Amino acid sequence: PGSAVDVHEFLPPEFSRSRINGIAPDGTLVGIADVEGGVGWVQPVMWIPVPVSLAPSSYALVHGIPRGGSLASLVASDDDRLRSRMNFETSRLAPKVILELAFDSPWQWISRLNIEVEASVTLQPIVQTVSLWNGAAWVEVDSSPATLADSVRSLSWAAGASGFVVGGKIRVRLQFYTFDRENLSRAEALVDRVRLTVYP
């Protein structure tokens, strides 16, 4: 909620007015409310912040060869995957697939950010990385061996999470690395689901 007017809407209908007295460290709003016709502010109330789950609003395959799937493929864990083949037309150390996703954040300030990435590859060895955009640069927050079967990487941040909300959006970059062109030239990265959870 962005104001006392917003949070008041969540109270039972008999409360005619309310006032926020403070904000606890976990984001809980503490206040008091009054029934119409009552005397003074008599009823203590609390508004607990509710996290919001976000699906990507857009994506771009920055590097790689598209093989199937769409934005809708990234929403649910349903084996409908966004498929991208490794593109070796780059330097040996550069990623062979780069996928960038944007999420619309309901708040500019967030207390915590969780990311879940469900993905796999068709051949190994391939390394998968996850990065977040802070307005100036991509910050790598995870690196792990990609798996042949779908696996989920769950990541979480609290301190500094708002730094990844830029212009109302949170941007995530997935990269897939391999140096074995001879054996992995036809390897594909398969992304089944990417989901964020933000906490006010």
N, C-alpha and C. Protein backbone atom coordinates (compact mmCIF):
# COMPACT_ATOMS: atom_id res chain seq x y z
N PRO A 1 0.82 -1.20 0.00
CA PRO A 1 0.00 0.00 0.00
C PRO A 1 0.86 1.26 0.00
N GLY A 2 0.36 2.29 -0.66
CA GLY A 2 1.15 3.49 -0.78
C GLY A 2 0.76 4.59 0.17
N SER A 3 -0.40 4.46 0.87
CA SER A 3 -0.84 5.53 1.75
C SER A 3 -1.84 5.00 2.74
N ALA A 4 -2.21 5.87 3.70
CA ALA A 4 -3.22 5.48 4.69
C ALA A 4 -4.56 5.21 4.02
N VAL A 5 -4.85 5.93 2.94
CA VAL A 5 -6.11 5.70 2.23
C VAL A 5 -6.12 4.29 1.64
N ASP A 6 -5.01 3.86 1.08
CA ASP A 6 -4.93 2.53 0.50
C ASP A 6 -5.17 1.46 1.55
N VAL A 7 -4.46 1.53 2.67
CA VAL A 7 -4.56 0.47 3.67
C VAL A 7 -5.92 0.47 4.36
N HIS A 8 -6.56 1.60 4.46
CA HIS A 8 -7.87 1.66 5.10
C HIS A 8 -8.88 0.77 4.37
N GLU A 9 -8.71 0.60 3.07
CA GLU A 9 -9.64 -0.20 2.28
C GLU A 9 -9.65 -1.66 2.71
N PHE A 10 -8.61 -2.10 3.41
CA PHE A 10 -8.53 -3.49 3.83
C PHE A 10 -9.21 -3.74 5.18
N LEU A 11 -9.68 -2.68 5.85
CA LEU A 11 -10.35 -2.83 7.14
C LEU A 11 -11.80 -3.26 6.94
N PRO A 12 -12.42 -3.90 7.96
CA PRO A 12 -13.85 -4.21 7.88
C PRO A 12 -14.67 -2.94 7.68
N PRO A 13 -15.86 -3.05 7.11
CA PRO A 13 -16.63 -1.85 6.74
C PRO A 13 -17.05 -0.98 7.91
N GLU A 14 -17.10 -1.53 9.14
CA GLU A 14 -17.55 -0.71 10.28
C GLU A 14 -16.53 0.35 10.69
N PHE A 15 -15.29 0.22 10.24
CA PHE A 15 -14.28 1.23 10.58
C PHE A 15 -14.39 2.40 9.61
N SER A 16 -14.70 3.58 10.17
CA SER A 16 -14.92 4.74 9.33
C SER A 16 -13.66 5.57 9.12
N ARG A 17 -12.64 5.40 9.97
CA ARG A 17 -11.42 6.17 9.82
C ARG A 17 -10.26 5.39 10.45
N SER A 18 -9.07 5.70 9.99
CA SER A 18 -7.89 5.02 10.52
C SER A 18 -6.69 5.93 10.37
N ARG A 19 -5.64 5.62 11.13
CA ARG A 19 -4.43 6.43 11.09
C ARG A 19 -3.23 5.53 11.34
N ILE A 20 -2.19 5.70 10.53
CA ILE A 20 -0.96 4.95 10.72
C ILE A 20 -0.08 5.69 11.72
N ASN A 21 0.38 4.98 12.74
CA ASN A 21 1.24 5.59 13.75
C ASN A 21 2.71 5.32 13.52
N GLY A 22 3.03 4.25 12.81
CA GLY A 22 4.44 3.93 12.61
C GLY A 22 4.62 2.76 11.68
N ILE A 23 5.88 2.54 11.29
CA ILE A 23 6.24 1.43 10.42
C ILE A 23 7.31 0.61 11.12
N ALA A 24 7.04 -0.66 11.33
CA ALA A 24 8.00 -1.55 11.98
C ALA A 24 9.14 -1.89 11.02
N PRO A 25 10.28 -2.38 11.54
CA PRO A 25 11.42 -2.69 10.66
C PRO A 25 11.11 -3.69 9.55
N ASP A 26 10.13 -4.59 9.78
CA ASP A 26 9.78 -5.56 8.74
C ASP A 26 8.78 -5.02 7.74
N GLY A 27 8.44 -3.74 7.85
CA GLY A 27 7.51 -3.14 6.91
C GLY A 27 6.07 -3.13 7.38
N THR A 28 5.77 -3.75 8.52
CA THR A 28 4.42 -3.74 9.05
C THR A 28 4.01 -2.33 9.45
N LEU A 29 2.82 -1.93 9.03
CA LEU A 29 2.28 -0.62 9.40
C LEU A 29 1.43 -0.78 10.66
N VAL A 30 1.69 0.03 11.67
CA VAL A 30 0.97 -0.04 12.94
C VAL A 30 0.14 1.22 13.09
N GLY A 31 -1.14 1.05 13.39
CA GLY A 31 -2.00 2.22 13.51
C GLY A 31 -3.19 1.96 14.40
N ILE A 32 -4.15 2.87 14.36
CA ILE A 32 -5.39 2.74 15.13
C ILE A 32 -6.55 3.11 14.24
N ALA A 33 -7.72 2.55 14.55
CA ALA A 33 -8.91 2.79 13.75
C ALA A 33 -10.11 3.01 14.67
N ASP A 34 -11.13 3.64 14.14
CA ASP A 34 -12.28 4.00 14.96
C ASP A 34 -13.56 3.64 14.22
N VAL A 35 -14.54 3.15 14.97
CA VAL A 35 -15.86 2.88 14.41
C VAL A 35 -16.65 4.18 14.33
N GLU A 36 -17.42 4.33 13.29
CA GLU A 36 -18.21 5.55 13.12
C GLU A 36 -19.08 5.81 14.35
N GLY A 37 -19.01 7.03 14.85
CA GLY A 37 -19.78 7.39 16.03
C GLY A 37 -19.07 7.12 17.34
N GLY A 38 -17.89 6.47 17.28
CA GLY A 38 -17.15 6.18 18.49
C GLY A 38 -16.44 7.42 19.00
N VAL A 39 -15.90 7.31 20.18
CA VAL A 39 -15.20 8.42 20.81
C VAL A 39 -13.70 8.09 20.83
N GLY A 40 -12.90 8.92 20.18
CA GLY A 40 -11.46 8.71 20.18
C GLY A 40 -11.04 7.58 19.25
N TRP A 41 -9.74 7.31 19.30
CA TRP A 41 -9.16 6.26 18.46
C TRP A 41 -8.88 5.07 19.38
N VAL A 42 -9.69 4.04 19.27
CA VAL A 42 -9.70 3.03 20.32
C VAL A 42 -9.21 1.64 19.87
N GLN A 43 -9.19 1.37 18.60
CA GLN A 43 -8.92 0.00 18.14
C GLN A 43 -7.54 -0.08 17.48
N PRO A 44 -6.55 -0.75 18.12
CA PRO A 44 -5.25 -0.91 17.46
C PRO A 44 -5.35 -1.86 16.27
N VAL A 45 -4.68 -1.53 15.21
CA VAL A 45 -4.71 -2.36 14.00
C VAL A 45 -3.29 -2.47 13.43
N MET A 46 -3.09 -3.50 12.63
CA MET A 46 -1.81 -3.70 11.94
C MET A 46 -2.09 -4.08 10.49
N TRP A 47 -1.31 -3.52 9.58
CA TRP A 47 -1.37 -3.90 8.18
C TRP A 47 -0.08 -4.66 7.85
N ILE A 48 -0.21 -5.92 7.52
CA ILE A 48 0.96 -6.74 7.24
C ILE A 48 1.28 -6.66 5.74
N PRO A 49 2.53 -6.37 5.38
CA PRO A 49 2.88 -6.29 3.96
C PRO A 49 2.71 -7.65 3.29
N VAL A 50 2.11 -7.67 2.12
CA VAL A 50 1.86 -8.90 1.39
C VAL A 50 2.79 -8.96 0.17
N PRO A 51 3.59 -10.01 0.04
CA PRO A 51 4.47 -10.13 -1.13
C PRO A 51 3.66 -10.35 -2.41
N VAL A 52 4.24 -9.94 -3.51
CA VAL A 52 3.60 -10.08 -4.82
C VAL A 52 4.49 -10.92 -5.73
N SER A 53 3.88 -11.89 -6.38
CA SER A 53 4.60 -12.75 -7.32
C SER A 53 4.49 -12.17 -8.73
N LEU A 54 5.61 -12.12 -9.44
CA LEU A 54 5.65 -11.48 -10.76
C LEU A 54 6.12 -12.46 -11.83
N ALA A 55 5.44 -12.46 -12.96
CA ALA A 55 5.90 -13.16 -14.16
C ALA A 55 6.52 -12.12 -15.09
N PRO A 56 7.43 -12.52 -15.99
CA PRO A 56 8.05 -11.53 -16.87
C PRO A 56 7.04 -10.87 -17.79
N SER A 57 7.21 -9.55 -17.99
CA SER A 57 6.34 -8.81 -18.90
C SER A 57 6.91 -8.73 -20.30
N SER A 58 8.21 -8.99 -20.44
CA SER A 58 8.84 -9.01 -21.77
C SER A 58 10.17 -9.75 -21.66
N TYR A 59 10.70 -10.15 -22.82
CA TYR A 59 12.02 -10.78 -22.85
C TYR A 59 12.69 -10.47 -24.18
N ALA A 60 14.00 -10.64 -24.20
CA ALA A 60 14.77 -10.47 -25.44
C ALA A 60 15.86 -11.53 -25.46
N LEU A 61 15.97 -12.24 -26.57
CA LEU A 61 17.08 -13.16 -26.77
C LEU A 61 18.21 -12.34 -27.39
N VAL A 62 19.13 -11.88 -26.53
CA VAL A 62 20.20 -11.00 -26.96
C VAL A 62 21.23 -11.75 -27.78
N HIS A 63 21.50 -13.00 -27.42
CA HIS A 63 22.45 -13.82 -28.17
C HIS A 63 21.98 -15.27 -28.10
N GLY A 64 22.04 -15.95 -29.21
CA GLY A 64 21.56 -17.32 -29.29
C GLY A 64 20.66 -17.49 -30.51
N ILE A 65 20.32 -18.72 -30.81
CA ILE A 65 19.49 -19.03 -31.97
C ILE A 65 18.14 -19.51 -31.47
N PRO A 66 17.05 -18.76 -31.75
CA PRO A 66 15.73 -19.17 -31.25
C PRO A 66 15.28 -20.49 -31.84
N ARG A 67 14.74 -21.35 -30.98
CA ARG A 67 14.31 -22.68 -31.42
C ARG A 67 12.85 -22.98 -31.06
N GLY A 68 12.22 -22.09 -30.30
CA GLY A 68 10.82 -22.32 -29.97
C GLY A 68 10.45 -21.68 -28.65
N GLY A 69 9.13 -21.58 -28.44
CA GLY A 69 8.63 -20.99 -27.21
C GLY A 69 8.34 -19.51 -27.37
N SER A 70 7.78 -18.93 -26.30
CA SER A 70 7.37 -17.52 -26.32
C SER A 70 7.41 -16.99 -24.89
N LEU A 71 6.96 -15.75 -24.72
CA LEU A 71 6.89 -15.17 -23.38
C LEU A 71 6.02 -16.02 -22.46
N ALA A 72 4.94 -16.56 -22.99
CA ALA A 72 4.04 -17.39 -22.19
C ALA A 72 4.74 -18.65 -21.68
N SER A 73 5.78 -19.09 -22.36
CA SER A 73 6.51 -20.29 -21.93
C SER A 73 7.22 -20.10 -20.61
N LEU A 74 7.47 -18.84 -20.22
CA LEU A 74 8.26 -18.54 -19.03
C LEU A 74 7.41 -18.37 -17.77
N VAL A 75 6.09 -18.48 -17.90
CA VAL A 75 5.21 -18.13 -16.79
C VAL A 75 5.00 -19.27 -15.81
N ALA A 76 4.82 -20.50 -16.31
CA ALA A 76 4.46 -21.61 -15.43
C ALA A 76 5.42 -22.78 -15.61
N SER A 77 5.48 -23.62 -14.58
CA SER A 77 6.28 -24.84 -14.62
C SER A 77 5.44 -25.94 -15.28
N ASP A 78 5.44 -25.92 -16.63
CA ASP A 78 4.53 -26.80 -17.37
C ASP A 78 5.20 -27.51 -18.54
N ASP A 79 6.53 -27.49 -18.57
CA ASP A 79 7.31 -28.12 -19.65
C ASP A 79 7.11 -27.46 -21.01
N ASP A 80 6.45 -26.30 -21.03
CA ASP A 80 6.43 -25.46 -22.24
C ASP A 80 7.60 -24.50 -22.10
N ARG A 81 8.68 -24.76 -22.81
CA ARG A 81 9.94 -24.07 -22.55
C ARG A 81 10.31 -23.11 -23.69
N LEU A 82 11.03 -22.05 -23.31
CA LEU A 82 11.68 -21.18 -24.29
C LEU A 82 13.02 -21.84 -24.65
N ARG A 83 13.20 -22.18 -25.92
CA ARG A 83 14.35 -22.96 -26.36
C ARG A 83 15.30 -22.07 -27.19
N SER A 84 16.58 -22.13 -26.86
CA SER A 84 17.58 -21.33 -27.58
C SER A 84 18.82 -22.19 -27.80
N ARG A 85 19.29 -22.25 -29.05
CA ARG A 85 20.50 -23.01 -29.35
C ARG A 85 21.73 -22.14 -29.12
N MET A 86 22.81 -22.78 -28.67
CA MET A 86 24.07 -22.07 -28.47
C MET A 86 24.54 -21.45 -29.78
N ASN A 87 24.98 -20.21 -29.70
CA ASN A 87 25.54 -19.51 -30.86
C ASN A 87 27.01 -19.26 -30.59
N PHE A 88 27.88 -19.94 -31.35
CA PHE A 88 29.32 -19.85 -31.13
C PHE A 88 29.97 -18.74 -31.95
N GLU A 89 29.15 -17.92 -32.61
CA GLU A 89 29.71 -16.80 -33.40
C GLU A 89 30.05 -15.64 -32.48
N THR A 90 30.96 -15.88 -31.57
CA THR A 90 31.40 -14.88 -30.60
C THR A 90 32.74 -15.34 -30.05
N SER A 91 33.32 -14.58 -29.14
CA SER A 91 34.61 -14.97 -28.59
C SER A 91 34.46 -16.25 -27.76
N ARG A 92 35.54 -16.96 -27.57
CA ARG A 92 35.50 -18.25 -26.89
C ARG A 92 34.97 -18.13 -25.45
N LEU A 93 35.29 -17.05 -24.76
CA LEU A 93 34.90 -16.90 -23.37
C LEU A 93 33.52 -16.28 -23.19
N ALA A 94 32.91 -15.80 -24.26
CA ALA A 94 31.61 -15.12 -24.15
C ALA A 94 30.49 -16.14 -24.01
N PRO A 95 29.37 -15.75 -23.38
CA PRO A 95 28.22 -16.66 -23.28
C PRO A 95 27.66 -16.98 -24.66
N LYS A 96 27.13 -18.20 -24.79
CA LYS A 96 26.59 -18.65 -26.08
C LYS A 96 25.10 -18.41 -26.19
N VAL A 97 24.43 -18.20 -25.05
CA VAL A 97 23.03 -17.78 -25.01
C VAL A 97 22.90 -16.70 -23.96
N ILE A 98 22.26 -15.58 -24.33
CA ILE A 98 21.96 -14.50 -23.38
C ILE A 98 20.48 -14.18 -23.51
N LEU A 99 19.77 -14.33 -22.40
CA LEU A 99 18.34 -14.05 -22.36
C LEU A 99 18.08 -13.00 -21.29
N GLU A 100 17.42 -11.90 -21.68
CA GLU A 100 17.12 -10.82 -20.74
C GLU A 100 15.60 -10.70 -20.57
N LEU A 101 15.18 -10.59 -19.31
CA LEU A 101 13.76 -10.52 -18.98
C LEU A 101 13.48 -9.28 -18.15
N ALA A 102 12.29 -8.70 -18.35
CA ALA A 102 11.86 -7.53 -17.58
C ALA A 102 10.60 -7.87 -16.80
N PHE A 103 10.53 -7.39 -15.56
CA PHE A 103 9.38 -7.59 -14.67
C PHE A 103 8.91 -6.22 -14.21
N ASP A 104 7.60 -6.01 -14.17
CA ASP A 104 7.03 -4.75 -13.71
C ASP A 104 6.85 -4.81 -12.20
N SER A 105 7.60 -3.99 -11.47
CA SER A 105 7.51 -3.99 -10.01
C SER A 105 6.36 -3.08 -9.55
N PRO A 106 5.55 -3.54 -8.59
CA PRO A 106 4.47 -2.68 -8.09
C PRO A 106 4.98 -1.56 -7.19
N TRP A 107 6.23 -1.66 -6.72
CA TRP A 107 6.80 -0.65 -5.83
C TRP A 107 8.22 -0.31 -6.25
N GLN A 108 8.60 0.95 -6.04
CA GLN A 108 9.99 1.35 -6.28
C GLN A 108 10.88 0.89 -5.14
N TRP A 109 10.35 0.95 -3.91
CA TRP A 109 11.12 0.48 -2.76
C TRP A 109 10.61 -0.89 -2.37
N ILE A 110 11.51 -1.88 -2.29
CA ILE A 110 11.15 -3.22 -1.85
C ILE A 110 12.10 -3.64 -0.73
N SER A 111 11.59 -4.44 0.19
CA SER A 111 12.42 -4.88 1.31
C SER A 111 13.15 -6.18 1.01
N ARG A 112 12.61 -6.97 0.07
CA ARG A 112 13.24 -8.24 -0.27
C ARG A 112 12.84 -8.65 -1.69
N LEU A 113 13.72 -9.42 -2.32
CA LEU A 113 13.50 -9.90 -3.68
C LEU A 113 13.91 -11.37 -3.74
N ASN A 114 12.98 -12.21 -4.21
CA ASN A 114 13.28 -13.62 -4.45
C ASN A 114 13.19 -13.91 -5.95
N ILE A 115 14.07 -14.78 -6.43
CA ILE A 115 14.06 -15.19 -7.83
C ILE A 115 14.05 -16.71 -7.89
N GLU A 116 13.21 -17.26 -8.77
CA GLU A 116 13.24 -18.69 -9.07
C GLU A 116 13.42 -18.86 -10.57
N VAL A 117 14.45 -19.62 -10.94
CA VAL A 117 14.72 -19.91 -12.35
C VAL A 117 14.67 -21.42 -12.53
N GLU A 118 13.78 -21.88 -13.37
CA GLU A 118 13.67 -23.31 -13.68
C GLU A 118 14.14 -23.51 -15.12
N ALA A 119 15.22 -24.26 -15.29
CA ALA A 119 15.82 -24.38 -16.62
C ALA A 119 16.59 -25.68 -16.73
N SER A 120 17.01 -26.00 -17.97
CA SER A 120 17.83 -27.18 -18.23
C SER A 120 18.56 -26.96 -19.55
N VAL A 121 19.41 -27.89 -19.90
CA VAL A 121 20.12 -27.88 -21.19
C VAL A 121 20.05 -29.27 -21.79
N THR A 122 20.33 -29.37 -23.09
CA THR A 122 20.24 -30.67 -23.76
C THR A 122 21.56 -31.43 -23.76
N LEU A 123 22.67 -30.73 -23.51
CA LEU A 123 23.98 -31.36 -23.45
C LEU A 123 24.80 -30.70 -22.34
N GLN A 124 25.83 -31.38 -21.89
CA GLN A 124 26.73 -30.85 -20.86
C GLN A 124 28.17 -31.00 -21.33
N PRO A 125 29.12 -30.20 -20.73
CA PRO A 125 28.94 -29.25 -19.61
C PRO A 125 28.62 -27.85 -20.09
N ILE A 126 27.68 -27.22 -19.40
CA ILE A 126 27.28 -25.84 -19.65
C ILE A 126 27.07 -25.16 -18.30
N VAL A 127 27.51 -23.92 -18.18
CA VAL A 127 27.34 -23.15 -16.94
C VAL A 127 26.24 -22.12 -17.15
N GLN A 128 25.35 -22.02 -16.17
CA GLN A 128 24.24 -21.07 -16.20
C GLN A 128 24.48 -19.99 -15.16
N THR A 129 24.33 -18.72 -15.55
CA THR A 129 24.46 -17.62 -14.59
C THR A 129 23.19 -16.77 -14.56
N VAL A 130 22.99 -16.11 -13.42
CA VAL A 130 21.85 -15.19 -13.24
C VAL A 130 22.41 -13.84 -12.81
N SER A 131 21.97 -12.76 -13.48
CA SER A 131 22.42 -11.42 -13.14
C SER A 131 21.22 -10.49 -13.02
N LEU A 132 21.40 -9.40 -12.26
CA LEU A 132 20.38 -8.37 -12.09
C LEU A 132 20.95 -7.03 -12.51
N TRP A 133 20.10 -6.19 -13.10
CA TRP A 133 20.51 -4.86 -13.56
C TRP A 133 20.28 -3.84 -12.45
N ASN A 134 21.32 -3.06 -12.11
CA ASN A 134 21.20 -2.06 -11.04
C ASN A 134 21.14 -0.63 -11.56
N GLY A 135 20.94 -0.48 -12.86
CA GLY A 135 20.86 0.85 -13.46
C GLY A 135 22.14 1.30 -14.10
N ALA A 136 23.25 0.64 -13.75
CA ALA A 136 24.56 0.98 -14.32
C ALA A 136 25.27 -0.22 -14.90
N ALA A 137 25.02 -1.40 -14.33
CA ALA A 137 25.74 -2.60 -14.78
C ALA A 137 24.96 -3.84 -14.37
N TRP A 138 25.28 -4.95 -15.02
CA TRP A 138 24.73 -6.23 -14.63
C TRP A 138 25.54 -6.79 -13.46
N VAL A 139 24.83 -7.22 -12.43
CA VAL A 139 25.47 -7.79 -11.23
C VAL A 139 25.18 -9.29 -11.21
N GLU A 140 26.23 -10.10 -11.35
CA GLU A 140 26.02 -11.55 -11.33
C GLU A 140 25.73 -11.99 -9.90
N VAL A 141 24.62 -12.71 -9.72
CA VAL A 141 24.21 -13.12 -8.39
C VAL A 141 24.21 -14.64 -8.22
N ASP A 142 24.43 -15.38 -9.30
CA ASP A 142 24.46 -16.84 -9.18
C ASP A 142 25.15 -17.44 -10.39
N SER A 143 25.90 -18.51 -10.15
CA SER A 143 26.54 -19.27 -11.22
C SER A 143 26.53 -20.73 -10.80
N SER A 144 26.08 -21.62 -11.71
CA SER A 144 25.97 -23.03 -11.36
C SER A 144 26.00 -23.88 -12.63
N PRO A 145 26.37 -25.15 -12.52
CA PRO A 145 26.32 -26.04 -13.68
C PRO A 145 24.87 -26.24 -14.12
N ALA A 146 24.60 -26.09 -15.41
CA ALA A 146 23.26 -26.37 -15.93
C ALA A 146 23.01 -27.87 -15.93
N THR A 147 21.76 -28.26 -15.74
CA THR A 147 21.40 -29.67 -15.61
C THR A 147 20.62 -30.16 -16.83
N LEU A 148 20.67 -31.49 -17.05
CA LEU A 148 19.96 -32.06 -18.20
C LEU A 148 18.46 -32.15 -17.95
N ALA A 149 18.06 -32.27 -16.71
CA ALA A 149 16.64 -32.22 -16.35
C ALA A 149 16.34 -30.88 -15.70
N ASP A 150 15.09 -30.46 -15.76
CA ASP A 150 14.72 -29.19 -15.14
C ASP A 150 15.15 -29.14 -13.68
N SER A 151 15.82 -28.05 -13.31
CA SER A 151 16.16 -27.82 -11.91
C SER A 151 15.85 -26.36 -11.60
N VAL A 152 15.59 -26.08 -10.32
CA VAL A 152 15.18 -24.74 -9.90
C VAL A 152 16.28 -24.12 -9.06
N ARG A 153 16.70 -22.93 -9.45
CA ARG A 153 17.61 -22.12 -8.65
C ARG A 153 16.78 -21.07 -7.92
N SER A 154 16.83 -21.10 -6.58
CA SER A 154 16.08 -20.15 -5.75
C SER A 154 17.06 -19.20 -5.08
N LEU A 155 16.89 -17.91 -5.33
CA LEU A 155 17.81 -16.89 -4.85
C LEU A 155 17.03 -15.82 -4.10
N SER A 156 17.66 -15.19 -3.10
CA SER A 156 16.95 -14.20 -2.30
C SER A 156 17.91 -13.10 -1.84
N TRP A 157 17.41 -11.84 -1.82
CA TRP A 157 18.16 -10.69 -1.31
C TRP A 157 17.26 -9.84 -0.45
N ALA A 158 17.86 -9.23 0.58
CA ALA A 158 17.14 -8.26 1.41
C ALA A 158 17.85 -6.91 1.33
N ALA A 159 19.06 -6.82 1.85
CA ALA A 159 19.80 -5.56 1.83
C ALA A 159 20.05 -5.11 0.40
N GLY A 160 19.63 -3.90 0.10
CA GLY A 160 19.90 -3.33 -1.22
C GLY A 160 18.99 -3.83 -2.32
N ALA A 161 17.91 -4.53 -1.98
CA ALA A 161 17.03 -5.07 -3.02
C ALA A 161 16.42 -3.98 -3.89
N SER A 162 16.14 -2.82 -3.30
CA SER A 162 15.52 -1.73 -4.07
C SER A 162 16.44 -1.21 -5.17
N GLY A 163 17.74 -1.45 -5.04
CA GLY A 163 18.67 -1.01 -6.07
C GLY A 163 18.46 -1.70 -7.40
N PHE A 164 17.71 -2.80 -7.40
CA PHE A 164 17.44 -3.52 -8.64
C PHE A 164 16.10 -3.14 -9.26
N VAL A 165 15.40 -2.18 -8.64
CA VAL A 165 14.18 -1.64 -9.25
C VAL A 165 14.56 -0.35 -9.96
N VAL A 166 14.60 -0.39 -11.26
CA VAL A 166 15.07 0.75 -12.06
C VAL A 166 13.95 1.14 -13.03
N GLY A 167 13.44 2.35 -12.88
CA GLY A 167 12.37 2.80 -13.75
C GLY A 167 11.12 1.94 -13.65
N GLY A 168 10.86 1.42 -12.44
CA GLY A 168 9.68 0.61 -12.23
C GLY A 168 9.81 -0.83 -12.70
N LYS A 169 10.99 -1.20 -13.16
CA LYS A 169 11.20 -2.57 -13.67
C LYS A 169 12.38 -3.24 -12.96
N ILE A 170 12.29 -4.55 -12.89
CA ILE A 170 13.40 -5.39 -12.43
C ILE A 170 13.83 -6.23 -13.63
N ARG A 171 15.12 -6.14 -13.96
CA ARG A 171 15.63 -6.84 -15.15
C ARG A 171 16.56 -7.97 -14.73
N VAL A 172 16.32 -9.14 -15.33
CA VAL A 172 17.09 -10.35 -15.03
C VAL A 172 17.74 -10.83 -16.32
N ARG A 173 19.00 -11.23 -16.20
CA ARG A 173 19.73 -11.77 -17.36
C ARG A 173 20.17 -13.21 -17.05
N LEU A 174 19.83 -14.13 -17.95
CA LEU A 174 20.31 -15.51 -17.88
C LEU A 174 21.34 -15.72 -18.97
N GLN A 175 22.46 -16.33 -18.61
CA GLN A 175 23.52 -16.61 -19.58
C GLN A 175 23.94 -18.08 -19.47
N PHE A 176 24.29 -18.65 -20.62
CA PHE A 176 24.73 -20.03 -20.69
C PHE A 176 26.07 -20.07 -21.40
N TYR A 177 27.06 -20.65 -20.71
CA TYR A 177 28.44 -20.68 -21.20
C TYR A 177 28.88 -22.11 -21.51
N THR A 178 29.59 -22.28 -22.61
CA THR A 178 30.32 -23.51 -22.88
C THR A 178 31.46 -23.19 -23.84
N PHE A 179 32.55 -23.92 -23.72
CA PHE A 179 33.71 -23.69 -24.58
C PHE A 179 33.88 -24.81 -25.60
N ASP A 180 33.02 -25.84 -25.51
CA ASP A 180 33.19 -27.05 -26.34
C ASP A 180 32.36 -26.94 -27.61
N ARG A 181 32.89 -26.21 -28.57
CA ARG A 181 32.15 -26.03 -29.82
C ARG A 181 32.04 -27.34 -30.59
N GLU A 182 33.04 -28.16 -30.54
CA GLU A 182 33.06 -29.39 -31.33
C GLU A 182 31.92 -30.33 -30.92
N ASN A 183 31.68 -30.45 -29.62
CA ASN A 183 30.68 -31.41 -29.15
C ASN A 183 29.34 -30.79 -28.78
N LEU A 184 29.31 -29.47 -28.54
CA LEU A 184 28.09 -28.84 -28.04
C LEU A 184 27.51 -27.80 -29.00
N SER A 185 27.87 -27.86 -30.26
CA SER A 185 27.40 -26.84 -31.21
C SER A 185 25.88 -26.88 -31.38
N ARG A 186 25.26 -28.01 -31.10
CA ARG A 186 23.81 -28.11 -31.25
C ARG A 186 23.09 -28.13 -29.89
N ALA A 187 23.81 -27.82 -28.84
CA ALA A 187 23.19 -27.80 -27.50
C ALA A 187 22.18 -26.66 -27.39
N GLU A 188 21.14 -26.89 -26.61
CA GLU A 188 20.10 -25.88 -26.40
C GLU A 188 19.93 -25.58 -24.91
N ALA A 189 19.59 -24.34 -24.62
CA ALA A 189 19.17 -23.93 -23.29
C ALA A 189 17.65 -23.90 -23.27
N LEU A 190 17.06 -24.53 -22.26
CA LEU A 190 15.60 -24.64 -22.15
C LEU A 190 15.16 -23.97 -20.85
N VAL A 191 14.41 -22.88 -20.96
CA VAL A 191 13.96 -22.14 -19.77
C VAL A 191 12.46 -22.35 -19.63
N ASP A 192 12.07 -22.98 -18.52
CA ASP A 192 10.66 -23.33 -18.31
C ASP A 192 9.91 -22.25 -17.55
N ARG A 193 10.58 -21.63 -16.55
CA ARG A 193 9.88 -20.65 -15.74
C ARG A 193 10.88 -19.72 -15.06
N VAL A 194 10.55 -18.42 -15.04
CA VAL A 194 11.30 -17.44 -14.26
C VAL A 194 10.28 -16.61 -13.51
N ARG A 195 10.39 -16.59 -12.20
CA ARG A 195 9.40 -15.89 -11.38
C ARG A 195 10.10 -15.09 -10.29
N LEU A 196 9.63 -13.88 -10.07
CA LEU A 196 10.11 -13.04 -8.98
C LEU A 196 9.03 -12.91 -7.91
N THR A 197 9.46 -12.75 -6.67
CA THR A 197 8.55 -12.37 -5.59
C THR A 197 9.16 -11.15 -4.92
N VAL A 198 8.37 -10.07 -4.83
CA VAL A 198 8.85 -8.84 -4.21
C VAL A 198 8.03 -8.58 -2.94
N TYR A 199 8.73 -8.01 -1.94
CA TYR A 199 8.13 -7.73 -0.65
C TYR A 199 8.17 -6.23 -0.39
N PRO A 200 7.03 -5.63 0.00
CA PRO A 200 7.01 -4.18 0.24
C PRO A 200 7.73 -3.83 1.54
